[in-house]
Amino acid sequence: MSGMKKSFARLKENQFLFEELVKRDFKIKYKRTILGVGWSLLSPLLTLLVMKLVFTQFFGRNTPHYTIYIFCGNVVWSYFSEATKGGMHALIGNAEIFSKVNVPKYLFVLSKNVQSLLSFLLTLIILFLFVAFDTLPFTWRYLMLVYPIVLLVLFNIGLGMVLSALYVFFRDTEYLYDVFLRLLMYLSAIFYNVSNYDAHVQRMFLINPVYLFIKYFRCVIIDGNLPSAQFHLLMLADTVIVFLLGCLIYKKNNTKFLYYV
């Protein structure tokens, strides 16, 4: 608990640096682009269009509100993928700063995640517009979407810390993670319906934390229901494990990073 308080205190001390890192990351992402931040909205829409055209005939015939179905999956996946890949490069990309100035190194992972979170929140607005256009009802259960969003932020930060530490020591991490992401995407039921499989196969999908976040959004937005209490606890357990693992790795290797960048 004291370690957590100390981390928050150091974050507050370096608030100005943190804010500048977020601004820099956001500007760099859209540097020399005509649409600028508009790509945060256009990119998921183009991806949605391609997926709808390609997969509707194969998977969408028996899936109600299929456009919203794949939009929920694509929005959550895009945020997870962008945040964790950005977090992986956070230390190496900012080595010139922390090798000269003594600042908390987790700041760089946090800034990458905040930049990705802003893009994610902008895309959510477009998702809700599609929901309204599809005449799906907005209920009080939408307030519960705060739960998976907060957990997903913490999950991405934790995994980002793990990946950034591994990337400092092993540059092969980038290529291995790209392969892992490609496999995980197909196992996250973004464009197909898990209900078409047997019950024991459906339970196996719960091993995938990203699928849990996607399913939560679909339950609230499409089904108008909330997942079970056990589902909430499983999401929480996955998040806590990954986040604490990231913190532990950073604490253990904090002084070693300088020798490998």
C-alpha atoms as a PDB file:
ATOM      1  CA  MET A   1       0.000   0.000   0.000  1.00  0.00           C
ATOM      2  CA  SER A   2       2.857   2.361   0.857  1.00  0.00           C
ATOM      3  CA  GLY A   3       4.457   1.531  -2.487  1.00  0.00           C
ATOM      4  CA  MET A   4       1.268   2.516  -4.280  1.00  0.00           C
ATOM      5  CA  LYS A   5       1.106   5.820  -2.397  1.00  0.00           C
ATOM      6  CA  LYS A   6       4.742   6.486  -3.254  1.00  0.00           C
ATOM      7  CA  SER A   7       4.049   5.836  -6.939  1.00  0.00           C
ATOM      8  CA  PHE A   8       1.125   8.269  -6.948  1.00  0.00           C
ATOM      9  CA  ALA A   9       3.279  10.857  -5.151  1.00  0.00           C
ATOM     10  CA  ARG A  10       6.023  10.544  -7.776  1.00  0.00           C
ATOM     11  CA  LEU A  11       3.425  10.730 -10.545  1.00  0.00           C
ATOM     12  CA  LYS A  12       2.120  13.975  -9.059  1.00  0.00           C
ATOM     13  CA  GLU A  13       5.658  15.351  -8.807  1.00  0.00           C
ATOM     14  CA  ASN A  14       6.180  14.629 -12.496  1.00  0.00           C
ATOM     15  CA  GLN A  15       2.709  15.716 -13.607  1.00  0.00           C
ATOM     16  CA  PHE A  16       4.058  18.304 -16.048  1.00  0.00           C
ATOM     17  CA  LEU A  17       6.334  15.761 -17.746  1.00  0.00           C
ATOM     18  CA  PHE A  18       3.478  13.262 -17.929  1.00  0.00           C
ATOM     19  CA  GLU A  19       1.145  15.769 -19.583  1.00  0.00           C
ATOM     20  CA  GLU A  20       3.827  16.757 -22.089  1.00  0.00           C
ATOM     21  CA  LEU A  21       4.469  13.095 -22.931  1.00  0.00           C
ATOM     22  CA  VAL A  22       0.768  12.543 -23.632  1.00  0.00           C
ATOM     23  CA  LYS A  23       0.612  15.647 -25.843  1.00  0.00           C
ATOM     24  CA  ARG A  24       3.771  14.600 -27.678  1.00  0.00           C
ATOM     25  CA  ASP A  25       2.535  11.040 -28.291  1.00  0.00           C
ATOM     26  CA  PHE A  26      -0.803  12.327 -29.553  1.00  0.00           C
ATOM     27  CA  LYS A  27       0.859  14.815 -31.912  1.00  0.00           C
ATOM     28  CA  ILE A  28       3.397  12.299 -33.214  1.00  0.00           C
ATOM     29  CA  LYS A  29       0.665   9.807 -34.067  1.00  0.00           C
ATOM     30  CA  TYR A  30      -1.013  12.250 -36.445  1.00  0.00           C
ATOM     31  CA  LYS A  31       2.036  14.186 -37.602  1.00  0.00           C
ATOM     32  CA  ARG A  32       1.923  15.113 -41.295  1.00  0.00           C
ATOM     33  CA  THR A  33      -1.549  13.625 -41.799  1.00  0.00           C
ATOM     34  CA  ILE A  34      -4.292  15.580 -43.525  1.00  0.00           C
ATOM     35  CA  LEU A  35      -7.145  14.356 -41.335  1.00  0.00           C
ATOM     36  CA  GLY A  36      -5.138  14.400 -38.107  1.00  0.00           C
ATOM     37  CA  VAL A  37      -7.189  13.191 -35.154  1.00  0.00           C
ATOM     38  CA  GLY A  38      -9.970  12.367 -37.603  1.00  0.00           C
ATOM     39  CA  TRP A  39      -8.138   9.110 -38.277  1.00  0.00           C
ATOM     40  CA  SER A  40      -9.121   7.992 -34.754  1.00  0.00           C
ATOM     41  CA  LEU A  41     -12.695   7.966 -36.025  1.00  0.00           C
ATOM     42  CA  LEU A  42     -12.166   7.029 -39.671  1.00  0.00           C
ATOM     43  CA  SER A  43      -9.797   4.104 -39.116  1.00  0.00           C
ATOM     44  CA  PRO A  44     -12.222   1.925 -37.068  1.00  0.00           C
ATOM     45  CA  LEU A  45     -15.032   2.827 -39.471  1.00  0.00           C
ATOM     46  CA  LEU A  46     -13.016   1.656 -42.475  1.00  0.00           C
ATOM     47  CA  THR A  47     -12.043  -1.522 -40.635  1.00  0.00           C
ATOM     48  CA  LEU A  48     -15.693  -2.069 -39.732  1.00  0.00           C
ATOM     49  CA  LEU A  49     -16.725  -1.607 -43.355  1.00  0.00           C
ATOM     50  CA  VAL A  50     -14.171  -4.133 -44.603  1.00  0.00           C
ATOM     51  CA  MET A  51     -15.094  -6.702 -41.942  1.00  0.00           C
ATOM     52  CA  LYS A  52     -18.803  -6.265 -42.612  1.00  0.00           C
ATOM     53  CA  LEU A  53     -18.349  -6.719 -46.367  1.00  0.00           C
ATOM     54  CA  VAL A  54     -16.098  -9.743 -45.966  1.00  0.00           C
ATOM     55  CA  PHE A  55     -17.722 -11.619 -43.088  1.00  0.00           C
ATOM     56  CA  THR A  56     -21.464 -10.834 -43.260  1.00  0.00           C
ATOM     57  CA  GLN A  57     -22.218 -13.683 -45.661  1.00  0.00           C
ATOM     58  CA  PHE A  58     -20.224 -16.171 -43.601  1.00  0.00           C
ATOM     59  CA  PHE A  59     -20.954 -15.206 -39.981  1.00  0.00           C
ATOM     60  CA  GLY A  60     -23.565 -12.445 -39.961  1.00  0.00           C
ATOM     61  CA  ARG A  61     -26.643 -14.210 -41.281  1.00  0.00           C
ATOM     62  CA  ASN A  62     -27.697 -15.595 -37.883  1.00  0.00           C
ATOM     63  CA  THR A  63     -26.173 -12.870 -35.693  1.00  0.00           C
ATOM     64  CA  PRO A  64     -28.600 -10.101 -34.666  1.00  0.00           C
ATOM     65  CA  HIS A  65     -27.285  -6.543 -35.073  1.00  0.00           C
ATOM     66  CA  TYR A  66     -24.153  -7.888 -36.738  1.00  0.00           C
ATOM     67  CA  THR A  67     -22.745  -4.427 -37.498  1.00  0.00           C
ATOM     68  CA  ILE A  68     -22.822  -3.501 -33.799  1.00  0.00           C
ATOM     69  CA  TYR A  69     -21.530  -6.972 -32.949  1.00  0.00           C
ATOM     70  CA  ILE A  70     -18.321  -6.578 -34.946  1.00  0.00           C
ATOM     71  CA  PHE A  71     -18.033  -2.880 -34.044  1.00  0.00           C
ATOM     72  CA  CYS A  72     -17.909  -3.758 -30.324  1.00  0.00           C
ATOM     73  CA  GLY A  73     -15.220  -6.333 -30.991  1.00  0.00           C
ATOM     74  CA  ASN A  74     -13.198  -4.071 -33.246  1.00  0.00           C
ATOM     75  CA  VAL A  75     -13.304  -1.071 -30.876  1.00  0.00           C
ATOM     76  CA  VAL A  76     -12.093  -3.051 -27.865  1.00  0.00           C
ATOM     77  CA  TRP A  77      -9.496  -4.953 -29.885  1.00  0.00           C
ATOM     78  CA  SER A  78      -8.086  -1.809 -31.499  1.00  0.00           C
ATOM     79  CA  TYR A  79      -7.620  -0.145 -28.117  1.00  0.00           C
ATOM     80  CA  PHE A  80      -6.001  -3.228 -26.603  1.00  0.00           C
ATOM     81  CA  SER A  81      -3.670  -3.711 -29.567  1.00  0.00           C
ATOM     82  CA  GLU A  82      -2.644  -0.053 -29.872  1.00  0.00           C
ATOM     83  CA  ALA A  83      -2.129   0.464 -26.131  1.00  0.00           C
ATOM     84  CA  THR A  84      -0.038  -2.655 -25.575  1.00  0.00           C
ATOM     85  CA  LYS A  85       2.103  -2.209 -28.703  1.00  0.00           C
ATOM     86  CA  GLY A  86       2.683   1.422 -27.763  1.00  0.00           C
ATOM     87  CA  GLY A  87       3.524   0.387 -24.220  1.00  0.00           C
ATOM     88  CA  MET A  88       6.029  -2.166 -25.508  1.00  0.00           C
ATOM     89  CA  HIS A  89       8.054   0.591 -27.216  1.00  0.00           C
ATOM     90  CA  ALA A  90       7.647   3.070 -24.347  1.00  0.00           C
ATOM     91  CA  LEU A  91      11.034   2.550 -22.686  1.00  0.00           C
ATOM     92  CA  ILE A  92      13.182   2.179 -25.796  1.00  0.00           C
ATOM     93  CA  GLY A  93      11.460   5.150 -27.414  1.00  0.00           C
ATOM     94  CA  ASN A  94      12.162   7.381 -24.424  1.00  0.00           C
ATOM     95  CA  ALA A  95      15.617   6.109 -23.471  1.00  0.00           C
ATOM     96  CA  GLU A  96      17.181   9.531 -24.141  1.00  0.00           C
ATOM     97  CA  ILE A  97      14.996  11.036 -21.415  1.00  0.00           C
ATOM     98  CA  PHE A  98      15.255   8.583 -18.525  1.00  0.00           C
ATOM     99  CA  SER A  99      18.951   7.890 -19.192  1.00  0.00           C
ATOM    100  CA  LYS A 100      19.654  11.551 -18.418  1.00  0.00           C
ATOM    101  CA  VAL A 101      16.892  12.465 -15.967  1.00  0.00           C
ATOM    102  CA  ASN A 102      15.766  10.438 -12.958  1.00  0.00           C
ATOM    103  CA  VAL A 103      12.041  10.029 -13.578  1.00  0.00           C
ATOM    104  CA  PRO A 104       9.663   7.100 -12.923  1.00  0.00           C
ATOM    105  CA  LYS A 105       9.946   4.905 -15.980  1.00  0.00           C
ATOM    106  CA  TYR A 106       6.320   3.783 -15.808  1.00  0.00           C
ATOM    107  CA  LEU A 107       5.371   7.328 -16.847  1.00  0.00           C
ATOM    108  CA  PHE A 108       6.225   6.461 -20.431  1.00  0.00           C
ATOM    109  CA  VAL A 109       3.932   3.427 -20.464  1.00  0.00           C
ATOM    110  CA  LEU A 110       1.158   5.489 -18.859  1.00  0.00           C
ATOM    111  CA  SER A 111       1.470   8.254 -21.442  1.00  0.00           C
ATOM    112  CA  LYS A 112       1.172   5.761 -24.300  1.00  0.00           C
ATOM    113  CA  ASN A 113      -1.928   4.274 -22.708  1.00  0.00           C
ATOM    114  CA  VAL A 114      -3.568   7.655 -22.139  1.00  0.00           C
ATOM    115  CA  GLN A 115      -2.990   8.585 -25.787  1.00  0.00           C
ATOM    116  CA  SER A 116      -4.591   5.282 -26.874  1.00  0.00           C
ATOM    117  CA  LEU A 117      -7.418   5.763 -24.367  1.00  0.00           C
ATOM    118  CA  LEU A 118      -8.318   9.138 -25.876  1.00  0.00           C
ATOM    119  CA  SER A 119      -8.620   7.546 -29.316  1.00  0.00           C
ATOM    120  CA  PHE A 120     -10.699   4.728 -27.809  1.00  0.00           C
ATOM    121  CA  LEU A 121     -13.131   7.160 -26.149  1.00  0.00           C
ATOM    122  CA  LEU A 122     -13.564   9.060 -29.415  1.00  0.00           C
ATOM    123  CA  THR A 123     -14.379   5.800 -31.187  1.00  0.00           C
ATOM    124  CA  LEU A 124     -16.918   4.918 -28.495  1.00  0.00           C
ATOM    125  CA  ILE A 125     -18.882   8.024 -29.460  1.00  0.00           C
ATOM    126  CA  ILE A 126     -19.140   6.703 -33.018  1.00  0.00           C
ATOM    127  CA  LEU A 127     -20.154   3.284 -31.691  1.00  0.00           C
ATOM    128  CA  PHE A 128     -23.001   4.830 -29.685  1.00  0.00           C
ATOM    129  CA  LEU A 129     -24.157   6.716 -32.781  1.00  0.00           C
ATOM    130  CA  PHE A 130     -24.319   3.398 -34.645  1.00  0.00           C
ATOM    131  CA  VAL A 131     -26.246   1.900 -31.722  1.00  0.00           C
ATOM    132  CA  ALA A 132     -28.807   4.725 -31.916  1.00  0.00           C
ATOM    133  CA  PHE A 133     -29.062   4.299 -35.693  1.00  0.00           C
ATOM    134  CA  ASP A 134     -29.677   0.564 -35.201  1.00  0.00           C
ATOM    135  CA  THR A 135     -32.535   1.452 -32.781  1.00  0.00           C
ATOM    136  CA  LEU A 136     -31.015  -0.459 -29.874  1.00  0.00           C
ATOM    137  CA  PRO A 137     -32.245   0.962 -26.540  1.00  0.00           C
ATOM    138  CA  PHE A 138     -29.956   2.922 -24.226  1.00  0.00           C
ATOM    139  CA  THR A 139     -30.474   1.718 -20.659  1.00  0.00           C
ATOM    140  CA  TRP A 140     -28.973   2.376 -17.236  1.00  0.00           C
ATOM    141  CA  ARG A 141     -26.751  -0.653 -17.816  1.00  0.00           C
ATOM    142  CA  TYR A 142     -24.583   1.483 -20.100  1.00  0.00           C
ATOM    143  CA  LEU A 143     -23.227   3.079 -16.919  1.00  0.00           C
ATOM    144  CA  MET A 144     -21.711  -0.299 -16.080  1.00  0.00           C
ATOM    145  CA  LEU A 145     -19.461  -0.048 -19.139  1.00  0.00           C
ATOM    146  CA  VAL A 146     -17.213   1.994 -16.872  1.00  0.00           C
ATOM    147  CA  TYR A 147     -16.267  -1.298 -15.201  1.00  0.00           C
ATOM    148  CA  PRO A 148     -14.723  -3.033 -18.261  1.00  0.00           C
ATOM    149  CA  ILE A 149     -13.193   0.244 -19.463  1.00  0.00           C
ATOM    150  CA  VAL A 150     -11.373   0.857 -16.169  1.00  0.00           C
ATOM    151  CA  LEU A 151     -10.220  -2.762 -15.994  1.00  0.00           C
ATOM    152  CA  LEU A 152      -9.094  -2.682 -19.617  1.00  0.00           C
ATOM    153  CA  VAL A 153      -7.034   0.447 -18.944  1.00  0.00           C
ATOM    154  CA  LEU A 154      -5.311  -1.253 -16.000  1.00  0.00           C
ATOM    155  CA  PHE A 155      -4.888  -4.484 -17.963  1.00  0.00           C
ATOM    156  CA  ASN A 156      -3.252  -2.630 -20.857  1.00  0.00           C
ATOM    157  CA  ILE A 157      -0.947  -0.724 -18.499  1.00  0.00           C
ATOM    158  CA  GLY A 158       0.112  -3.933 -16.760  1.00  0.00           C
ATOM    159  CA  LEU A 159       0.721  -5.809 -20.007  1.00  0.00           C
ATOM    160  CA  GLY A 160       2.454  -2.736 -21.449  1.00  0.00           C
ATOM    161  CA  MET A 161       4.886  -2.743 -18.528  1.00  0.00           C
ATOM    162  CA  VAL A 162       5.591  -6.445 -19.015  1.00  0.00           C
ATOM    163  CA  LEU A 163       6.160  -6.026 -22.757  1.00  0.00           C
ATOM    164  CA  SER A 164       8.278  -2.874 -22.436  1.00  0.00           C
ATOM    165  CA  ALA A 165      10.568  -4.593 -19.934  1.00  0.00           C
ATOM    166  CA  LEU A 166      10.892  -7.677 -22.142  1.00  0.00           C
ATOM    167  CA  TYR A 167      11.566  -5.494 -25.179  1.00  0.00           C
ATOM    168  CA  VAL A 168      14.453  -3.770 -23.412  1.00  0.00           C
ATOM    169  CA  PHE A 169      16.166  -7.098 -22.786  1.00  0.00           C
ATOM    170  CA  PHE A 170      14.978  -9.045 -25.841  1.00  0.00           C
ATOM    171  CA  ARG A 171      14.305  -7.191 -29.104  1.00  0.00           C
ATOM    172  CA  ASP A 172      12.694 -10.353 -30.495  1.00  0.00           C
ATOM    173  CA  THR A 173       9.714  -9.540 -28.284  1.00  0.00           C
ATOM    174  CA  GLU A 174       8.309  -7.228 -30.959  1.00  0.00           C
ATOM    175  CA  TYR A 175       8.132  -9.949 -33.612  1.00  0.00           C
ATOM    176  CA  LEU A 176       6.830 -12.597 -31.232  1.00  0.00           C
ATOM    177  CA  TYR A 177       4.126 -10.253 -29.959  1.00  0.00           C
ATOM    178  CA  ASP A 178       2.982  -9.463 -33.508  1.00  0.00           C
ATOM    179  CA  VAL A 179       2.454 -13.177 -34.116  1.00  0.00           C
ATOM    180  CA  PHE A 180       0.730 -13.521 -30.731  1.00  0.00           C
ATOM    181  CA  LEU A 181      -1.603 -10.590 -31.509  1.00  0.00           C
ATOM    182  CA  ARG A 182      -2.592 -12.102 -34.832  1.00  0.00           C
ATOM    183  CA  LEU A 183      -3.452 -15.399 -33.164  1.00  0.00           C
ATOM    184  CA  LEU A 184      -5.251 -13.712 -30.264  1.00  0.00           C
ATOM    185  CA  MET A 185      -7.363 -11.642 -32.647  1.00  0.00           C
ATOM    186  CA  TYR A 186      -8.795 -14.777 -34.246  1.00  0.00           C
ATOM    187  CA  LEU A 187      -9.446 -16.238 -30.787  1.00  0.00           C
ATOM    188  CA  SER A 188     -11.336 -13.143 -29.591  1.00  0.00           C
ATOM    189  CA  ALA A 189     -14.532 -13.748 -31.603  1.00  0.00           C
ATOM    190  CA  ILE A 190     -14.475 -10.308 -33.192  1.00  0.00           C
ATOM    191  CA  PHE A 191     -16.370 -11.291 -36.350  1.00  0.00           C
ATOM    192  CA  TYR A 192     -17.891 -14.697 -35.510  1.00  0.00           C
ATOM    193  CA  ASN A 193     -20.379 -15.839 -32.880  1.00  0.00           C
ATOM    194  CA  VAL A 194     -19.186 -18.092 -30.065  1.00  0.00           C
ATOM    195  CA  SER A 195     -22.715 -19.372 -29.464  1.00  0.00           C
ATOM    196  CA  ASN A 196     -22.326 -21.554 -32.554  1.00  0.00           C
ATOM    197  CA  TYR A 197     -19.892 -23.770 -30.641  1.00  0.00           C
ATOM    198  CA  ASP A 198     -20.479 -26.416 -27.961  1.00  0.00           C
ATOM    199  CA  ALA A 199     -20.762 -25.309 -24.342  1.00  0.00           C
ATOM    200  CA  HIS A 200     -17.311 -26.597 -23.353  1.00  0.00           C
ATOM    201  CA  VAL A 201     -15.738 -24.734 -26.287  1.00  0.00           C
ATOM    202  CA  GLN A 202     -17.562 -21.547 -25.277  1.00  0.00           C
ATOM    203  CA  ARG A 203     -16.092 -21.863 -21.787  1.00  0.00           C
ATOM    204  CA  MET A 204     -12.597 -22.118 -23.272  1.00  0.00           C
ATOM    205  CA  PHE A 205     -13.030 -18.654 -24.791  1.00  0.00           C
ATOM    206  CA  LEU A 206     -13.250 -17.278 -21.241  1.00  0.00           C
ATOM    207  CA  ILE A 207      -9.534 -18.014 -20.866  1.00  0.00           C
ATOM    208  CA  ASN A 208      -8.911 -15.092 -23.231  1.00  0.00           C
ATOM    209  CA  PRO A 209      -9.087 -11.816 -21.228  1.00  0.00           C
ATOM    210  CA  VAL A 210      -9.662  -9.718 -24.375  1.00  0.00           C
ATOM    211  CA  TYR A 211     -12.721 -11.792 -25.237  1.00  0.00           C
ATOM    212  CA  LEU A 212     -14.114 -11.046 -21.770  1.00  0.00           C
ATOM    213  CA  PHE A 213     -13.962  -7.293 -22.393  1.00  0.00           C
ATOM    214  CA  ILE A 214     -15.546  -7.685 -25.830  1.00  0.00           C
ATOM    215  CA  LYS A 215     -18.319  -9.917 -24.504  1.00  0.00           C
ATOM    216  CA  TYR A 216     -19.103  -7.438 -21.707  1.00  0.00           C
ATOM    217  CA  PHE A 217     -19.694  -4.663 -24.247  1.00  0.00           C
ATOM    218  CA  ARG A 218     -21.915  -6.941 -26.347  1.00  0.00           C
ATOM    219  CA  CYS A 219     -23.939  -8.081 -23.352  1.00  0.00           C
ATOM    220  CA  VAL A 220     -24.738  -4.504 -22.358  1.00  0.00           C
ATOM    221  CA  ILE A 221     -25.180  -2.944 -25.800  1.00  0.00           C
ATOM    222  CA  ILE A 222     -26.797  -5.754 -27.837  1.00  0.00           C
ATOM    223  CA  ASP A 223     -28.424  -8.007 -25.237  1.00  0.00           C
ATOM    224  CA  GLY A 224     -29.304  -5.269 -22.746  1.00  0.00           C
ATOM    225  CA  ASN A 225     -28.053  -7.450 -19.886  1.00  0.00           C
ATOM    226  CA  LEU A 226     -25.170  -7.560 -17.445  1.00  0.00           C
ATOM    227  CA  PRO A 227     -22.792 -10.543 -17.239  1.00  0.00           C
ATOM    228  CA  SER A 228     -22.862 -12.725 -14.150  1.00  0.00           C
ATOM    229  CA  ALA A 229     -21.056 -11.938 -10.899  1.00  0.00           C
ATOM    230  CA  GLN A 230     -18.566 -14.717 -11.684  1.00  0.00           C
ATOM    231  CA  PHE A 231     -17.843 -13.053 -15.028  1.00  0.00           C
ATOM    232  CA  HIS A 232     -17.106  -9.761 -13.248  1.00  0.00           C
ATOM    233  CA  LEU A 233     -14.775 -11.505 -10.815  1.00  0.00           C
ATOM    234  CA  LEU A 234     -12.944 -13.323 -13.619  1.00  0.00           C
ATOM    235  CA  MET A 235     -12.290 -10.026 -15.406  1.00  0.00           C
ATOM    236  CA  LEU A 236     -11.085  -8.475 -12.162  1.00  0.00           C
ATOM    237  CA  ALA A 237      -8.784 -11.416 -11.416  1.00  0.00           C
ATOM    238  CA  ASP A 238      -7.194 -11.289 -14.884  1.00  0.00           C
ATOM    239  CA  THR A 239      -6.627  -7.552 -14.572  1.00  0.00           C
ATOM    240  CA  VAL A 240      -5.160  -7.678 -11.079  1.00  0.00           C
ATOM    241  CA  ILE A 241      -2.763 -10.496 -12.002  1.00  0.00           C
ATOM    242  CA  VAL A 242      -1.457  -8.770 -15.136  1.00  0.00           C
ATOM    243  CA  PHE A 243      -1.235  -5.337 -13.497  1.00  0.00           C
ATOM    244  CA  LEU A 244       0.621  -6.611 -10.423  1.00  0.00           C
ATOM    245  CA  LEU A 245       2.928  -8.673 -12.636  1.00  0.00           C
ATOM    246  CA  GLY A 246       3.816  -5.541 -14.599  1.00  0.00           C
ATOM    247  CA  CYS A 247       4.476  -3.569 -11.408  1.00  0.00           C
ATOM    248  CA  LEU A 248       6.617  -6.377 -10.002  1.00  0.00           C
ATOM    249  CA  ILE A 249       8.734  -6.642 -13.159  1.00  0.00           C
ATOM    250  CA  TYR A 250       9.286  -2.873 -13.219  1.00  0.00           C
ATOM    251  CA  LYS A 251      10.229  -2.767  -9.554  1.00  0.00           C
ATOM    252  CA  LYS A 252      12.671  -5.655  -9.945  1.00  0.00           C
ATOM    253  CA  ASN A 253      14.383  -4.356 -13.090  1.00  0.00           C
ATOM    254  CA  ASN A 254      14.132  -0.603 -12.563  1.00  0.00           C
ATOM    255  CA  THR A 255      17.888  -0.111 -12.180  1.00  0.00           C
ATOM    256  CA  LYS A 256      18.763  -2.566 -14.969  1.00  0.00           C
ATOM    257  CA  PHE A 257      16.945  -0.778 -17.789  1.00  0.00           C
ATOM    258  CA  LEU A 258      19.685   1.858 -18.115  1.00  0.00           C
ATOM    259  CA  TYR A 259      22.293  -0.755 -18.982  1.00  0.00           C
ATOM    260  CA  TYR A 260      20.321  -2.212 -21.903  1.00  0.00           C
ATOM    261  CA  VAL A 261      18.970   0.855 -23.723  1.00  0.00           C
END
